[in-house]
Amino acid sequence: MAKRSRYRNQSKVYSEPKTPFGRERLDAELKLCGEFGLRCKREIWRSQFTLRKIRATARSLLALDEKDPRRMFEGEALLRRLTRIGLLDEEHQTLDHVLA
């Protein structure tokens, strides 16, 4: 039997809010849980964290030149991924629409 390593690269999946008991934030999270049928607040934090990372990537790519190979390659990959998960339509295939 082959040996398996116990080490894995761990990446952060969610981030907790800085103020744990902000009244407005708690009310908004409770409303989101009820509207979308989420189990716990951690699922809200996870989706917000994912969207935050996507928007940060889009901002960094928009800062590059339009003909930059990194912007072209990673931008197309980001747009494909967002279309696949249903966050972006086929007609809105630009990085500007990711931030809109």
PDB file of N, CA and C in Angstrom:
ATOM      1  N   MET A   1       0.835  -1.170   0.000  1.00  0.00           N
ATOM      2  CA  MET A   1       0.000   0.000   0.000  1.00  0.00           C
ATOM      3  C   MET A   1       0.887   1.242   0.000  1.00  0.00           C
ATOM      4  N   ALA A   2       0.527   2.203  -0.809  1.00  0.00           N
ATOM      5  CA  ALA A   2       1.324   3.421  -0.933  1.00  0.00           C
ATOM      6  C   ALA A   2       1.100   4.328   0.273  1.00  0.00           C
ATOM      7  N   LYS A   3       2.162   4.997   0.660  1.00  0.00           N
ATOM      8  CA  LYS A   3       2.053   5.936   1.768  1.00  0.00           C
ATOM      9  C   LYS A   3       1.469   7.249   1.269  1.00  0.00           C
ATOM     10  N   ARG A   4       0.600   7.824   2.072  1.00  0.00           N
ATOM     11  CA  ARG A   4       0.024   9.110   1.722  1.00  0.00           C
ATOM     12  C   ARG A   4       0.516  10.154   2.705  1.00  0.00           C
ATOM     13  N   SER A   5       0.799  11.289   2.172  1.00  0.00           N
ATOM     14  CA  SER A   5       1.257  12.380   3.013  1.00  0.00           C
ATOM     15  C   SER A   5       0.083  12.989   3.776  1.00  0.00           C
ATOM     16  N   ARG A   6       0.338  13.390   4.981  1.00  0.00           N
ATOM     17  CA  ARG A   6      -0.709  14.008   5.784  1.00  0.00           C
ATOM     18  C   ARG A   6      -0.748  15.515   5.602  1.00  0.00           C
ATOM     19  N   TYR A   7       0.214  16.050   4.868  1.00  0.00           N
ATOM     20  CA  TYR A   7       0.290  17.484   4.688  1.00  0.00           C
ATOM     21  C   TYR A   7      -0.528  17.911   3.475  1.00  0.00           C
ATOM     22  N   ARG A   8      -1.267  18.980   3.648  1.00  0.00           N
ATOM     23  CA  ARG A   8      -2.034  19.534   2.536  1.00  0.00           C
ATOM     24  C   ARG A   8      -1.885  21.044   2.557  1.00  0.00           C
ATOM     25  N   ASN A   9      -1.997  21.639   1.394  1.00  0.00           N
ATOM     26  CA  ASN A   9      -2.003  23.089   1.325  1.00  0.00           C
ATOM     27  C   ASN A   9      -3.398  23.569   1.702  1.00  0.00           C
ATOM     28  N   GLN A  10      -3.491  24.266   2.786  1.00  0.00           N
ATOM     29  CA  GLN A  10      -4.773  24.769   3.257  1.00  0.00           C
ATOM     30  C   GLN A  10      -4.965  26.191   2.753  1.00  0.00           C
ATOM     31  N   SER A  11      -6.144  26.481   2.258  1.00  0.00           N
ATOM     32  CA  SER A  11      -6.448  27.848   1.863  1.00  0.00           C
ATOM     33  C   SER A  11      -7.693  28.299   2.609  1.00  0.00           C
ATOM     34  N   LYS A  12      -7.770  29.575   2.826  1.00  0.00           N
ATOM     35  CA  LYS A  12      -8.870  30.131   3.586  1.00  0.00           C
ATOM     36  C   LYS A  12     -10.151  30.087   2.761  1.00  0.00           C
ATOM     37  N   VAL A  13     -11.248  29.688   3.377  1.00  0.00           N
ATOM     38  CA  VAL A  13     -12.512  29.519   2.667  1.00  0.00           C
ATOM     39  C   VAL A  13     -13.486  30.636   3.005  1.00  0.00           C
ATOM     40  N   TYR A  14     -13.398  31.187   4.204  1.00  0.00           N
ATOM     41  CA  TYR A  14     -14.289  32.273   4.589  1.00  0.00           C
ATOM     42  C   TYR A  14     -13.541  33.215   5.526  1.00  0.00           C
ATOM     43  N   SER A  15     -14.081  34.397   5.680  1.00  0.00           N
ATOM     44  CA  SER A  15     -13.520  35.336   6.649  1.00  0.00           C
ATOM     45  C   SER A  15     -14.645  35.862   7.524  1.00  0.00           C
ATOM     46  N   GLU A  16     -14.391  35.879   8.816  1.00  0.00           N
ATOM     47  CA  GLU A  16     -15.391  36.338   9.774  1.00  0.00           C
ATOM     48  C   GLU A  16     -15.423  37.860   9.775  1.00  0.00           C
ATOM     49  N   PRO A  17     -16.562  38.432  10.115  1.00  0.00           N
ATOM     50  CA  PRO A  17     -16.640  39.894  10.167  1.00  0.00           C
ATOM     51  C   PRO A  17     -15.789  40.468  11.301  1.00  0.00           C
ATOM     52  N   LYS A  18     -15.333  41.704  11.105  1.00  0.00           N
ATOM     53  CA  LYS A  18     -14.481  42.331  12.107  1.00  0.00           C
ATOM     54  C   LYS A  18     -15.249  42.648  13.387  1.00  0.00           C
ATOM     55  N   THR A  19     -16.481  43.087  13.236  1.00  0.00           N
ATOM     56  CA  THR A  19     -17.314  43.363  14.408  1.00  0.00           C
ATOM     57  C   THR A  19     -18.346  42.256  14.531  1.00  0.00           C
ATOM     58  N   PRO A  20     -18.240  41.404  15.537  1.00  0.00           N
ATOM     59  CA  PRO A  20     -19.099  40.221  15.596  1.00  0.00           C
ATOM     60  C   PRO A  20     -20.569  40.511  15.876  1.00  0.00           C
ATOM     61  N   PHE A  21     -20.876  41.659  16.506  1.00  0.00           N
ATOM     62  CA  PHE A  21     -22.267  41.895  16.899  1.00  0.00           C
ATOM     63  C   PHE A  21     -22.809  43.208  16.350  1.00  0.00           C
ATOM     64  N   GLY A  22     -22.476  43.527  15.089  1.00  0.00           N
ATOM     65  CA  GLY A  22     -23.036  44.720  14.469  1.00  0.00           C
ATOM     66  C   GLY A  22     -24.502  44.490  14.132  1.00  0.00           C
ATOM     67  N   ARG A  23     -25.357  45.326  14.644  1.00  0.00           N
ATOM     68  CA  ARG A  23     -26.809  45.101  14.526  1.00  0.00           C
ATOM     69  C   ARG A  23     -27.276  45.057  13.069  1.00  0.00           C
ATOM     70  N   GLU A  24     -26.837  46.010  12.258  1.00  0.00           N
ATOM     71  CA  GLU A  24     -27.282  46.062  10.859  1.00  0.00           C
ATOM     72  C   GLU A  24     -26.819  44.834  10.091  1.00  0.00           C
ATOM     73  N   ARG A  25     -25.567  44.441  10.336  1.00  0.00           N
ATOM     74  CA  ARG A  25     -25.023  43.284   9.633  1.00  0.00           C
ATOM     75  C   ARG A  25     -25.757  42.005  10.038  1.00  0.00           C
ATOM     76  N   LEU A  26     -26.035  41.852  11.332  1.00  0.00           N
ATOM     77  CA  LEU A  26     -26.754  40.667  11.802  1.00  0.00           C
ATOM     78  C   LEU A  26     -28.147  40.579  11.190  1.00  0.00           C
ATOM     79  N   ASP A  27     -28.836  41.717  11.109  1.00  0.00           N
ATOM     80  CA  ASP A  27     -30.174  41.719  10.500  1.00  0.00           C
ATOM     81  C   ASP A  27     -30.107  41.361   9.015  1.00  0.00           C
ATOM     82  N   ALA A  28     -29.109  41.920   8.321  1.00  0.00           N
ATOM     83  CA  ALA A  28     -28.970  41.628   6.890  1.00  0.00           C
ATOM     84  C   ALA A  28     -28.637  40.150   6.663  1.00  0.00           C
ATOM     85  N   GLU A  29     -27.778  39.585   7.503  1.00  0.00           N
ATOM     86  CA  GLU A  29     -27.418  38.170   7.368  1.00  0.00           C
ATOM     87  C   GLU A  29     -28.612  37.266   7.649  1.00  0.00           C
ATOM     88  N   LEU A  30     -29.404  37.610   8.647  1.00  0.00           N
ATOM     89  CA  LEU A  30     -30.590  36.820   8.956  1.00  0.00           C
ATOM     90  C   LEU A  30     -31.585  36.847   7.797  1.00  0.00           C
ATOM     91  N   LYS A  31     -31.722  38.000   7.183  1.00  0.00           N
ATOM     92  CA  LYS A  31     -32.611  38.131   6.029  1.00  0.00           C
ATOM     93  C   LYS A  31     -32.108  37.271   4.863  1.00  0.00           C
ATOM     94  N   LEU A  32     -30.791  37.283   4.617  1.00  0.00           N
ATOM     95  CA  LEU A  32     -30.217  36.470   3.545  1.00  0.00           C
ATOM     96  C   LEU A  32     -30.392  34.974   3.826  1.00  0.00           C
ATOM     97  N   CYS A  33     -30.211  34.573   5.077  1.00  0.00           N
ATOM     98  CA  CYS A  33     -30.395  33.161   5.438  1.00  0.00           C
ATOM     99  C   CYS A  33     -31.823  32.714   5.140  1.00  0.00           C
ATOM    100  N   GLY A  34     -32.782  33.537   5.504  1.00  0.00           N
ATOM    101  CA  GLY A  34     -34.170  33.177   5.266  1.00  0.00           C
ATOM    102  C   GLY A  34     -34.535  33.199   3.796  1.00  0.00           C
ATOM    103  N   GLU A  35     -33.991  34.149   3.059  1.00  0.00           N
ATOM    104  CA  GLU A  35     -34.347  34.292   1.644  1.00  0.00           C
ATOM    105  C   GLU A  35     -33.785  33.166   0.790  1.00  0.00           C
ATOM    106  N   PHE A  36     -32.544  32.776   1.035  1.00  0.00           N
ATOM    107  CA  PHE A  36     -31.891  31.779   0.193  1.00  0.00           C
ATOM    108  C   PHE A  36     -31.791  30.410   0.845  1.00  0.00           C
ATOM    109  N   GLY A  37     -32.299  30.249   2.043  1.00  0.00           N
ATOM    110  CA  GLY A  37     -32.304  28.952   2.697  1.00  0.00           C
ATOM    111  C   GLY A  37     -30.930  28.460   3.089  1.00  0.00           C
ATOM    112  N   LEU A  38     -30.090  29.360   3.575  1.00  0.00           N
ATOM    113  CA  LEU A  38     -28.746  28.965   3.987  1.00  0.00           C
ATOM    114  C   LEU A  38     -28.781  28.398   5.399  1.00  0.00           C
ATOM    115  N   ARG A  39     -27.866  27.481   5.678  1.00  0.00           N
ATOM    116  CA  ARG A  39     -27.850  26.817   6.981  1.00  0.00           C
ATOM    117  C   ARG A  39     -27.340  27.713   8.084  1.00  0.00           C
ATOM    118  N   CYS A  40     -26.246  28.408   7.813  1.00  0.00           N
ATOM    119  CA  CYS A  40     -25.595  29.165   8.868  1.00  0.00           C
ATOM    120  C   CYS A  40     -24.940  30.409   8.282  1.00  0.00           C
ATOM    121  N   LYS A  41     -24.458  31.241   9.167  1.00  0.00           N
ATOM    122  CA  LYS A  41     -23.821  32.490   8.745  1.00  0.00           C
ATOM    123  C   LYS A  41     -22.517  32.218   7.987  1.00  0.00           C
ATOM    124  N   ARG A  42     -21.870  31.098   8.274  1.00  0.00           N
ATOM    125  CA  ARG A  42     -20.617  30.789   7.615  1.00  0.00           C
ATOM    126  C   ARG A  42     -20.803  30.631   6.109  1.00  0.00           C
ATOM    127  N   GLU A  43     -21.964  30.146   5.683  1.00  0.00           N
ATOM    128  CA  GLU A  43     -22.224  30.043   4.246  1.00  0.00           C
ATOM    129  C   GLU A  43     -22.329  31.417   3.608  1.00  0.00           C
ATOM    130  N   ILE A  44     -22.885  32.383   4.309  1.00  0.00           N
ATOM    131  CA  ILE A  44     -22.934  33.761   3.805  1.00  0.00           C
ATOM    132  C   ILE A  44     -21.522  34.318   3.711  1.00  0.00           C
ATOM    133  N   TRP A  45     -20.731  34.111   4.764  1.00  0.00           N
ATOM    134  CA  TRP A  45     -19.365  34.617   4.767  1.00  0.00           C
ATOM    135  C   TRP A  45     -18.540  33.982   3.655  1.00  0.00           C
ATOM    136  N   ARG A  46     -18.781  32.697   3.383  1.00  0.00           N
ATOM    137  CA  ARG A  46     -18.048  31.994   2.333  1.00  0.00           C
ATOM    138  C   ARG A  46     -18.363  32.584   0.964  1.00  0.00           C
ATOM    139  N   SER A  47     -19.639  32.840   0.697  1.00  0.00           N
ATOM    140  CA  SER A  47     -20.008  33.400  -0.608  1.00  0.00           C
ATOM    141  C   SER A  47     -19.495  34.831  -0.745  1.00  0.00           C
ATOM    142  N   GLN A  48     -19.543  35.619   0.339  1.00  0.00           N
ATOM    143  CA  GLN A  48     -19.013  36.976   0.285  1.00  0.00           C
ATOM    144  C   GLN A  48     -17.507  36.968   0.066  1.00  0.00           C
ATOM    145  N   PHE A  49     -16.817  36.019   0.688  1.00  0.00           N
ATOM    146  CA  PHE A  49     -15.366  35.906   0.535  1.00  0.00           C
ATOM    147  C   PHE A  49     -15.005  35.548  -0.903  1.00  0.00           C
ATOM    148  N   THR A  50     -15.771  34.628  -1.506  1.00  0.00           N
ATOM    149  CA  THR A  50     -15.527  34.232  -2.894  1.00  0.00           C
ATOM    150  C   THR A  50     -15.747  35.409  -3.830  1.00  0.00           C
ATOM    151  N   LEU A  51     -16.846  36.127  -3.648  1.00  0.00           N
ATOM    152  CA  LEU A  51     -17.123  37.292  -4.485  1.00  0.00           C
ATOM    153  C   LEU A  51     -16.068  38.379  -4.294  1.00  0.00           C
ATOM    154  N   ARG A  52     -15.583  38.546  -3.070  1.00  0.00           N
ATOM    155  CA  ARG A  52     -14.548  39.537  -2.798  1.00  0.00           C
ATOM    156  C   ARG A  52     -13.267  39.199  -3.551  1.00  0.00           C
ATOM    157  N   LYS A  53     -12.894  37.907  -3.571  1.00  0.00           N
ATOM    158  CA  LYS A  53     -11.692  37.495  -4.288  1.00  0.00           C
ATOM    159  C   LYS A  53     -11.852  37.669  -5.797  1.00  0.00           C
ATOM    160  N   ILE A  54     -13.047  37.355  -6.325  1.00  0.00           N
ATOM    161  CA  ILE A  54     -13.304  37.505  -7.759  1.00  0.00           C
ATOM    162  C   ILE A  54     -13.210  38.974  -8.152  1.00  0.00           C
ATOM    163  N   ARG A  55     -13.810  39.856  -7.363  1.00  0.00           N
ATOM    164  CA  ARG A  55     -13.782  41.280  -7.673  1.00  0.00           C
ATOM    165  C   ARG A  55     -12.361  41.844  -7.568  1.00  0.00           C
ATOM    166  N   ALA A  56     -11.586  41.382  -6.600  1.00  0.00           N
ATOM    167  CA  ALA A  56     -10.201  41.842  -6.466  1.00  0.00           C
ATOM    168  C   ALA A  56      -9.368  41.409  -7.666  1.00  0.00           C
ATOM    169  N   THR A  57      -9.592  40.187  -8.136  1.00  0.00           N
ATOM    170  CA  THR A  57      -8.888  39.707  -9.325  1.00  0.00           C
ATOM    171  C   THR A  57      -9.260  40.534 -10.543  1.00  0.00           C
ATOM    172  N   ALA A  58     -10.549  40.837 -10.700  1.00  0.00           N
ATOM    173  CA  ALA A  58     -10.994  41.640 -11.829  1.00  0.00           C
ATOM    174  C   ALA A  58     -10.389  43.037 -11.775  1.00  0.00           C
ATOM    175  N   ARG A  59     -10.321  43.637 -10.579  1.00  0.00           N
ATOM    176  CA  ARG A  59      -9.719  44.972 -10.448  1.00  0.00           C
ATOM    177  C   ARG A  59      -8.245  44.955 -10.816  1.00  0.00           C
ATOM    178  N   SER A  60      -7.522  43.932 -10.378  1.00  0.00           N
ATOM    179  CA  SER A  60      -6.090  43.862 -10.696  1.00  0.00           C
ATOM    180  C   SER A  60      -5.868  43.626 -12.188  1.00  0.00           C
ATOM    181  N   LEU A  61      -6.759  42.856 -12.824  1.00  0.00           N
ATOM    182  CA  LEU A  61      -6.616  42.629 -14.263  1.00  0.00           C
ATOM    183  C   LEU A  61      -6.976  43.878 -15.058  1.00  0.00           C
ATOM    184  N   LEU A  62      -7.965  44.639 -14.589  1.00  0.00           N
ATOM    185  CA  LEU A  62      -8.335  45.873 -15.286  1.00  0.00           C
ATOM    186  C   LEU A  62      -7.234  46.929 -15.191  1.00  0.00           C
ATOM    187  N   ALA A  63      -6.395  46.847 -14.172  1.00  0.00           N
ATOM    188  CA  ALA A  63      -5.313  47.805 -14.026  1.00  0.00           C
ATOM    189  C   ALA A  63      -4.204  47.565 -15.055  1.00  0.00           C
ATOM    190  N   LEU A  64      -4.144  46.349 -15.614  1.00  0.00           N
ATOM    191  CA  LEU A  64      -3.132  46.036 -16.621  1.00  0.00           C
ATOM    192  C   LEU A  64      -3.538  46.592 -17.979  1.00  0.00           C
ATOM    193  N   ASP A  65      -2.572  46.630 -18.905  1.00  0.00           N
ATOM    194  CA  ASP A  65      -2.837  47.082 -20.267  1.00  0.00           C
ATOM    195  C   ASP A  65      -3.741  46.079 -20.986  1.00  0.00           C
ATOM    196  N   GLU A  66      -4.553  46.566 -21.916  1.00  0.00           N
ATOM    197  CA  GLU A  66      -5.503  45.679 -22.603  1.00  0.00           C
ATOM    198  C   GLU A  66      -4.817  44.572 -23.392  1.00  0.00           C
ATOM    199  N   LYS A  67      -3.655  44.844 -23.922  1.00  0.00           N
ATOM    200  CA  LYS A  67      -2.936  43.852 -24.744  1.00  0.00           C
ATOM    201  C   LYS A  67      -1.980  42.990 -23.928  1.00  0.00           C
ATOM    202  N   ASP A  68      -1.979  43.163 -22.622  1.00  0.00           N
ATOM    203  CA  ASP A  68      -1.106  42.371 -21.765  1.00  0.00           C
ATOM    204  C   ASP A  68      -1.522  40.903 -21.835  1.00  0.00           C
ATOM    205  N   PRO A  69      -0.580  39.985 -22.063  1.00  0.00           N
ATOM    206  CA  PRO A  69      -0.952  38.565 -22.185  1.00  0.00           C
ATOM    207  C   PRO A  69      -1.558  37.992 -20.907  1.00  0.00           C
ATOM    208  N   ARG A  70      -1.097  38.469 -19.746  1.00  0.00           N
ATOM    209  CA  ARG A  70      -1.665  37.984 -18.482  1.00  0.00           C
ATOM    210  C   ARG A  70      -3.125  38.398 -18.363  1.00  0.00           C
ATOM    211  N   ARG A  71      -3.431  39.647 -18.728  1.00  0.00           N
ATOM    212  CA  ARG A  71      -4.819  40.115 -18.646  1.00  0.00           C
ATOM    213  C   ARG A  71      -5.702  39.334 -19.614  1.00  0.00           C
ATOM    214  N   MET A  72      -5.205  39.088 -20.808  1.00  0.00           N
ATOM    215  CA  MET A  72      -6.017  38.364 -21.791  1.00  0.00           C
ATOM    216  C   MET A  72      -6.277  36.931 -21.330  1.00  0.00           C
ATOM    217  N   PHE A  73      -5.238  36.241 -20.877  1.00  0.00           N
ATOM    218  CA  PHE A  73      -5.370  34.836 -20.505  1.00  0.00           C
ATOM    219  C   PHE A  73      -6.199  34.666 -19.229  1.00  0.00           C
ATOM    220  N   GLU A  74      -5.822  35.379 -18.169  1.00  0.00           N
ATOM    221  CA  GLU A  74      -6.532  35.232 -16.893  1.00  0.00           C
ATOM    222  C   GLU A  74      -7.925  35.852 -16.946  1.00  0.00           C
ATOM    223  N   GLY A  75      -8.081  36.905 -17.743  1.00  0.00           N
ATOM    224  CA  GLY A  75      -9.395  37.518 -17.890  1.00  0.00           C
ATOM    225  C   GLY A  75     -10.394  36.581 -18.547  1.00  0.00           C
ATOM    226  N   GLU A  76      -9.958  35.916 -19.610  1.00  0.00           N
ATOM    227  CA  GLU A  76     -10.837  34.948 -20.275  1.00  0.00           C
ATOM    228  C   GLU A  76     -11.174  33.783 -19.352  1.00  0.00           C
ATOM    229  N   ALA A  77     -10.194  33.328 -18.582  1.00  0.00           N
ATOM    230  CA  ALA A  77     -10.443  32.227 -17.638  1.00  0.00           C
ATOM    231  C   ALA A  77     -11.445  32.646 -16.565  1.00  0.00           C
ATOM    232  N   LEU A  78     -11.305  33.863 -16.057  1.00  0.00           N
ATOM    233  CA  LEU A  78     -12.231  34.369 -15.042  1.00  0.00           C
ATOM    234  C   LEU A  78     -13.643  34.483 -15.610  1.00  0.00           C
ATOM    235  N   LEU A  79     -13.767  35.005 -16.818  1.00  0.00           N
ATOM    236  CA  LEU A  79     -15.089  35.151 -17.441  1.00  0.00           C
ATOM    237  C   LEU A  79     -15.730  33.792 -17.703  1.00  0.00           C
ATOM    238  N   ARG A  80     -14.941  32.823 -18.144  1.00  0.00           N
ATOM    239  CA  ARG A  80     -15.471  31.469 -18.363  1.00  0.00           C
ATOM    240  C   ARG A  80     -15.971  30.852 -17.064  1.00  0.00           C
ATOM    241  N   ARG A  81     -15.184  31.037 -16.003  1.00  0.00           N
ATOM    242  CA  ARG A  81     -15.568  30.468 -14.707  1.00  0.00           C
ATOM    243  C   ARG A  81     -16.850  31.099 -14.186  1.00  0.00           C
ATOM    244  N   LEU A  82     -16.971  32.426 -14.312  1.00  0.00           N
ATOM    245  CA  LEU A  82     -18.170  33.111 -13.842  1.00  0.00           C
ATOM    246  C   LEU A  82     -19.395  32.727 -14.669  1.00  0.00           C
ATOM    247  N   THR A  83     -19.201  32.501 -15.963  1.00  0.00           N
ATOM    248  CA  THR A  83     -20.315  32.059 -16.802  1.00  0.00           C
ATOM    249  C   THR A  83     -20.727  30.644 -16.432  1.00  0.00           C
ATOM    250  N   ARG A  84     -19.764  29.800 -16.137  1.00  0.00           N
ATOM    251  CA  ARG A  84     -20.054  28.408 -15.798  1.00  0.00           C
ATOM    252  C   ARG A  84     -20.842  28.299 -14.498  1.00  0.00           C
ATOM    253  N   ILE A  85     -20.513  29.141 -13.511  1.00  0.00           N
ATOM    254  CA  ILE A  85     -21.245  29.055 -12.252  1.00  0.00           C
ATOM    255  C   ILE A  85     -22.512  29.902 -12.253  1.00  0.00           C
ATOM    256  N   GLY A  86     -22.758  30.641 -13.331  1.00  0.00           N
ATOM    257  CA  GLY A  86     -24.015  31.345 -13.495  1.00  0.00           C
ATOM    258  C   GLY A  86     -24.040  32.763 -12.967  1.00  0.00           C
ATOM    259  N   LEU A  87     -22.901  33.366 -12.714  1.00  0.00           N
ATOM    260  CA  LEU A  87     -22.876  34.739 -12.224  1.00  0.00           C
ATOM    261  C   LEU A  87     -22.827  35.771 -13.343  1.00  0.00           C
ATOM    262  N   LEU A  88     -22.493  35.325 -14.551  1.00  0.00           N
ATOM    263  CA  LEU A  88     -22.330  36.243 -15.669  1.00  0.00           C
ATOM    264  C   LEU A  88     -23.045  35.677 -16.886  1.00  0.00           C
ATOM    265  N   ASP A  89     -23.751  36.536 -17.626  1.00  0.00           N
ATOM    266  CA  ASP A  89     -24.449  36.101 -18.840  1.00  0.00           C
ATOM    267  C   ASP A  89     -23.479  36.015 -20.006  1.00  0.00           C
ATOM    268  N   GLU A  90     -23.922  35.354 -21.071  1.00  0.00           N
ATOM    269  CA  GLU A  90     -23.118  35.252 -22.289  1.00  0.00           C
ATOM    270  C   GLU A  90     -22.941  36.612 -22.956  1.00  0.00           C
ATOM    271  N   GLU A  91     -23.919  37.495 -22.808  1.00  0.00           N
ATOM    272  CA  GLU A  91     -23.853  38.792 -23.482  1.00  0.00           C
ATOM    273  C   GLU A  91     -23.005  39.811 -22.730  1.00  0.00           C
ATOM    274  N   HIS A  92     -22.719  39.561 -21.471  1.00  0.00           N
ATOM    275  CA  HIS A  92     -21.917  40.486 -20.659  1.00  0.00           C
ATOM    276  C   HIS A  92     -20.545  39.882 -20.379  1.00  0.00           C
ATOM    277  N   GLN A  93     -19.776  39.617 -21.394  1.00  0.00           N
ATOM    278  CA  GLN A  93     -18.490  38.958 -21.252  1.00  0.00           C
ATOM    279  C   GLN A  93     -17.328  39.952 -21.223  1.00  0.00           C
ATOM    280  N   THR A  94     -17.364  40.904 -20.304  1.00  0.00           N
ATOM    281  CA  THR A  94     -16.246  41.813 -20.130  1.00  0.00           C
ATOM    282  C   THR A  94     -15.910  41.924 -18.645  1.00  0.00           C
ATOM    283  N   LEU A  95     -14.682  42.351 -18.364  1.00  0.00           N
ATOM    284  CA  LEU A  95     -14.271  42.484 -16.972  1.00  0.00           C
ATOM    285  C   LEU A  95     -15.015  43.628 -16.282  1.00  0.00           C
ATOM    286  N   ASP A  96     -15.452  44.622 -17.061  1.00  0.00           N
ATOM    287  CA  ASP A  96     -16.208  45.723 -16.468  1.00  0.00           C
ATOM    288  C   ASP A  96     -17.523  45.239 -15.884  1.00  0.00           C
ATOM    289  N   HIS A  97     -18.145  44.240 -16.504  1.00  0.00           N
ATOM    290  CA  HIS A  97     -19.411  43.720 -16.008  1.00  0.00           C
ATOM    291  C   HIS A  97     -19.231  42.882 -14.734  1.00  0.00           C
ATOM    292  N   VAL A  98     -18.013  42.411 -14.499  1.00  0.00           N
ATOM    293  CA  VAL A  98     -17.766  41.654 -13.258  1.00  0.00           C
ATOM    294  C   VAL A  98     -17.883  42.604 -12.069  1.00  0.00           C
ATOM    295  N   LEU A  99     -17.427  43.827 -12.238  1.00  0.00           N
ATOM    296  CA  LEU A  99     -17.454  44.804 -11.147  1.00  0.00           C
ATOM    297  C   LEU A  99     -18.772  45.556 -11.068  1.00  0.00           C
ATOM    298  N   ALA A 100     -19.606  45.454 -12.093  1.00  0.00           N
ATOM    299  CA  ALA A 100     -20.877  46.200 -12.108  1.00  0.00           C
ATOM    300  C   ALA A 100     -21.926  45.531 -11.235  1.00  0.00           C
TER     301      ALA A 100
END
